[in-house]
Amino acid sequence: MQLTLLKSKIHRAAVTGASLDYEGSLTVSADLAELVGLIPYEKILVSNLNNGKRFETYAIFGEARRGIIELNGATAHLGKIDDRLTIMSFARYTLEEAELHAPLIAVLNEKNEVVRHEGGDSAPSLRIVNE
C-alpha cells in the first residue's frame, strides 16, 4: 500500500511579485525551497490565505536569501503582492515509511524570514497503528 503524505510545506510566505507574461510556475527563493526539500520543477499545491484560492503549479528557484515568492503566468491572477501563501508538496510512501515520516516545514514572517523550521524523517511523527 502507498500513502500520499505531506513532504514539504512553506507556511505564510508573502508574495513579493507577480509576472503575468511569464510562462508559469511559482518562483521560490532557493534557500527556502531547499530548507523544506523542494526541487526545481516539483509539482506544488498552493493556497492563498488572503483570498482562499488554491492552485497547482510547479516550483522554480529564485535567488537565494532574497525572500522571493513570485506568482508567474496564469497564477499571477490568483494573488497579489503581500498575500500570504502556503506552499505544499506531497510524496508517496509505503506504510513502513509513513510510520517514520515527518514533513519538512518552514514558517515565515512577513519578510519571508524563517521563524520556525521543523520536521524531517528524524523528527518525531505521528505513529500509524495497525490493529
Protein backbone atom coordinates (compact mmCIF):
# COMPACT_ATOMS: atom_id res chain seq x y z
CA MET A 1 0.00 0.00 0.00
CA GLN A 2 1.18 3.51 -0.84
CA LEU A 3 0.06 6.60 1.04
CA THR A 4 0.31 10.19 -0.17
CA LEU A 5 1.65 12.40 2.63
CA LEU A 6 2.79 15.98 3.01
CA LYS A 7 6.52 16.12 2.15
CA SER A 8 7.28 19.85 2.27
CA LYS A 9 5.50 23.00 3.43
CA ILE A 10 6.35 26.68 3.43
CA HIS A 11 3.70 28.38 5.58
CA ARG A 12 2.70 32.07 5.45
CA ALA A 13 5.06 33.03 2.59
CA ALA A 14 4.43 36.61 1.46
CA VAL A 15 4.04 37.21 -2.27
CA THR A 16 6.81 39.56 -3.44
CA GLY A 17 5.94 39.78 -7.13
CA ALA A 18 3.73 38.66 -9.97
CA SER A 19 4.57 38.27 -13.66
CA LEU A 20 1.59 37.56 -15.89
CA ASP A 21 3.75 37.30 -19.03
CA TYR A 22 5.97 34.57 -17.58
CA GLU A 23 5.26 31.02 -18.83
CA GLY A 24 4.03 29.73 -15.49
CA SER A 25 5.08 28.42 -12.09
CA LEU A 26 5.87 29.88 -8.69
CA THR A 27 9.33 31.30 -8.03
CA VAL A 28 10.66 30.49 -4.55
CA SER A 29 14.00 31.67 -3.12
CA ALA A 30 16.38 28.74 -3.46
CA ASP A 31 17.31 28.71 0.23
CA LEU A 32 13.66 28.46 1.33
CA ALA A 33 12.92 25.72 -1.19
CA GLU A 34 15.98 23.70 -0.20
CA LEU A 35 15.19 24.11 3.51
CA VAL A 36 11.98 22.13 3.03
CA GLY A 37 13.30 19.73 0.39
CA LEU A 38 11.61 21.17 -2.71
CA ILE A 39 13.39 20.59 -6.01
CA PRO A 40 13.11 22.62 -9.23
CA TYR A 41 10.01 21.78 -11.31
CA GLU A 42 8.41 19.82 -8.47
CA LYS A 43 4.61 19.90 -8.51
CA ILE A 44 3.22 22.03 -5.70
CA LEU A 45 -0.17 22.85 -4.25
CA VAL A 46 -0.52 26.48 -3.20
CA SER A 47 -3.23 28.00 -1.01
CA ASN A 48 -3.69 31.75 -0.73
CA LEU A 49 -4.56 32.60 2.87
CA ASN A 50 -5.94 36.02 1.88
CA ASN A 51 -8.49 35.00 -0.74
CA GLY A 52 -8.93 31.25 -0.16
CA LYS A 53 -7.88 30.27 -3.68
CA ARG A 54 -5.92 27.05 -4.20
CA PHE A 55 -3.94 26.07 -7.28
CA GLU A 56 -1.39 23.58 -8.54
CA THR A 57 1.76 24.59 -10.39
CA TYR A 58 5.47 23.80 -10.18
CA ALA A 59 8.31 25.40 -8.26
CA ILE A 60 11.26 27.17 -9.81
CA PHE A 61 14.11 28.62 -7.80
CA GLY A 62 14.87 32.31 -7.42
CA GLU A 63 17.95 33.94 -6.00
CA ALA A 64 18.79 32.66 -2.51
CA ARG A 65 18.46 34.82 0.60
CA ARG A 66 16.16 37.32 -1.13
CA GLY A 67 12.83 36.03 0.20
CA ILE A 68 11.44 35.77 -3.32
CA ILE A 69 7.92 34.37 -3.74
CA GLU A 70 6.58 35.26 -7.20
CA LEU A 71 3.38 34.26 -8.95
CA ASN A 72 4.09 33.60 -12.63
CA GLY A 73 1.86 33.22 -15.67
CA ALA A 74 -1.80 32.46 -15.01
CA THR A 75 -1.15 32.13 -11.27
CA ALA A 76 -0.50 35.90 -11.20
CA HIS A 77 -4.30 36.27 -11.33
CA LEU A 78 -4.66 34.27 -8.10
CA GLY A 79 -2.94 36.63 -5.69
CA LYS A 80 -1.28 39.96 -5.17
CA ILE A 81 1.83 41.32 -3.50
CA ASP A 82 1.81 40.73 0.27
CA ASP A 83 -0.80 37.94 0.09
CA ARG A 84 0.23 35.08 2.36
CA LEU A 85 0.61 31.63 0.79
CA THR A 86 1.04 28.07 1.98
CA ILE A 87 3.20 26.10 -0.48
CA MET A 88 3.00 22.30 -0.22
CA SER A 89 4.40 19.25 -1.95
CA PHE A 90 3.42 15.64 -1.41
CA ALA A 91 5.11 12.28 -1.92
CA ARG A 92 4.13 8.61 -1.91
CA TYR A 93 5.30 6.44 0.97
CA THR A 94 4.90 2.83 1.94
CA LEU A 95 3.14 2.19 5.24
CA GLU A 96 6.51 1.43 6.84
CA GLU A 97 8.00 4.71 5.55
CA ALA A 98 4.88 6.64 6.58
CA GLU A 99 5.21 5.46 10.17
CA LEU A 100 8.58 7.24 10.42
CA HIS A 101 7.87 10.23 8.19
CA ALA A 102 7.60 13.84 9.33
CA PRO A 103 7.32 16.59 6.70
CA LEU A 104 9.81 19.44 6.45
CA ILE A 105 8.03 22.66 7.42
CA ALA A 106 9.17 26.27 7.42
CA VAL A 107 7.01 29.04 8.87
CA LEU A 108 7.83 32.53 7.60
CA ASN A 109 7.24 36.07 8.82
CA GLU A 110 6.06 38.98 6.66
CA LYS A 111 9.61 39.45 5.28
CA ASN A 112 9.83 35.76 4.29
CA GLU A 113 12.34 35.08 7.04
CA VAL A 114 12.16 31.68 8.73
CA VAL A 115 10.68 31.94 12.22
CA ARG A 116 10.26 28.18 12.72
CA HIS A 117 11.65 25.10 10.99
CA GLU A 118 10.68 21.56 11.86
CA GLY A 119 10.39 18.04 10.58
CA GLY A 120 12.35 15.59 8.56
CA ASP A 121 12.43 11.85 8.93
CA SER A 122 14.46 12.09 12.13
CA ALA A 123 11.74 14.18 13.82
CA PRO A 124 9.07 12.64 15.99
CA SER A 125 5.96 11.85 13.97
CA LEU A 126 2.50 10.50 14.44
CA ARG A 127 2.74 6.73 14.56
CA ILE A 128 0.32 4.70 12.49
CA VAL A 129 -1.14 1.86 14.49
CA ASN A 130 -2.26 -1.35 12.77
CA GLU A 131 -4.99 -3.15 14.65
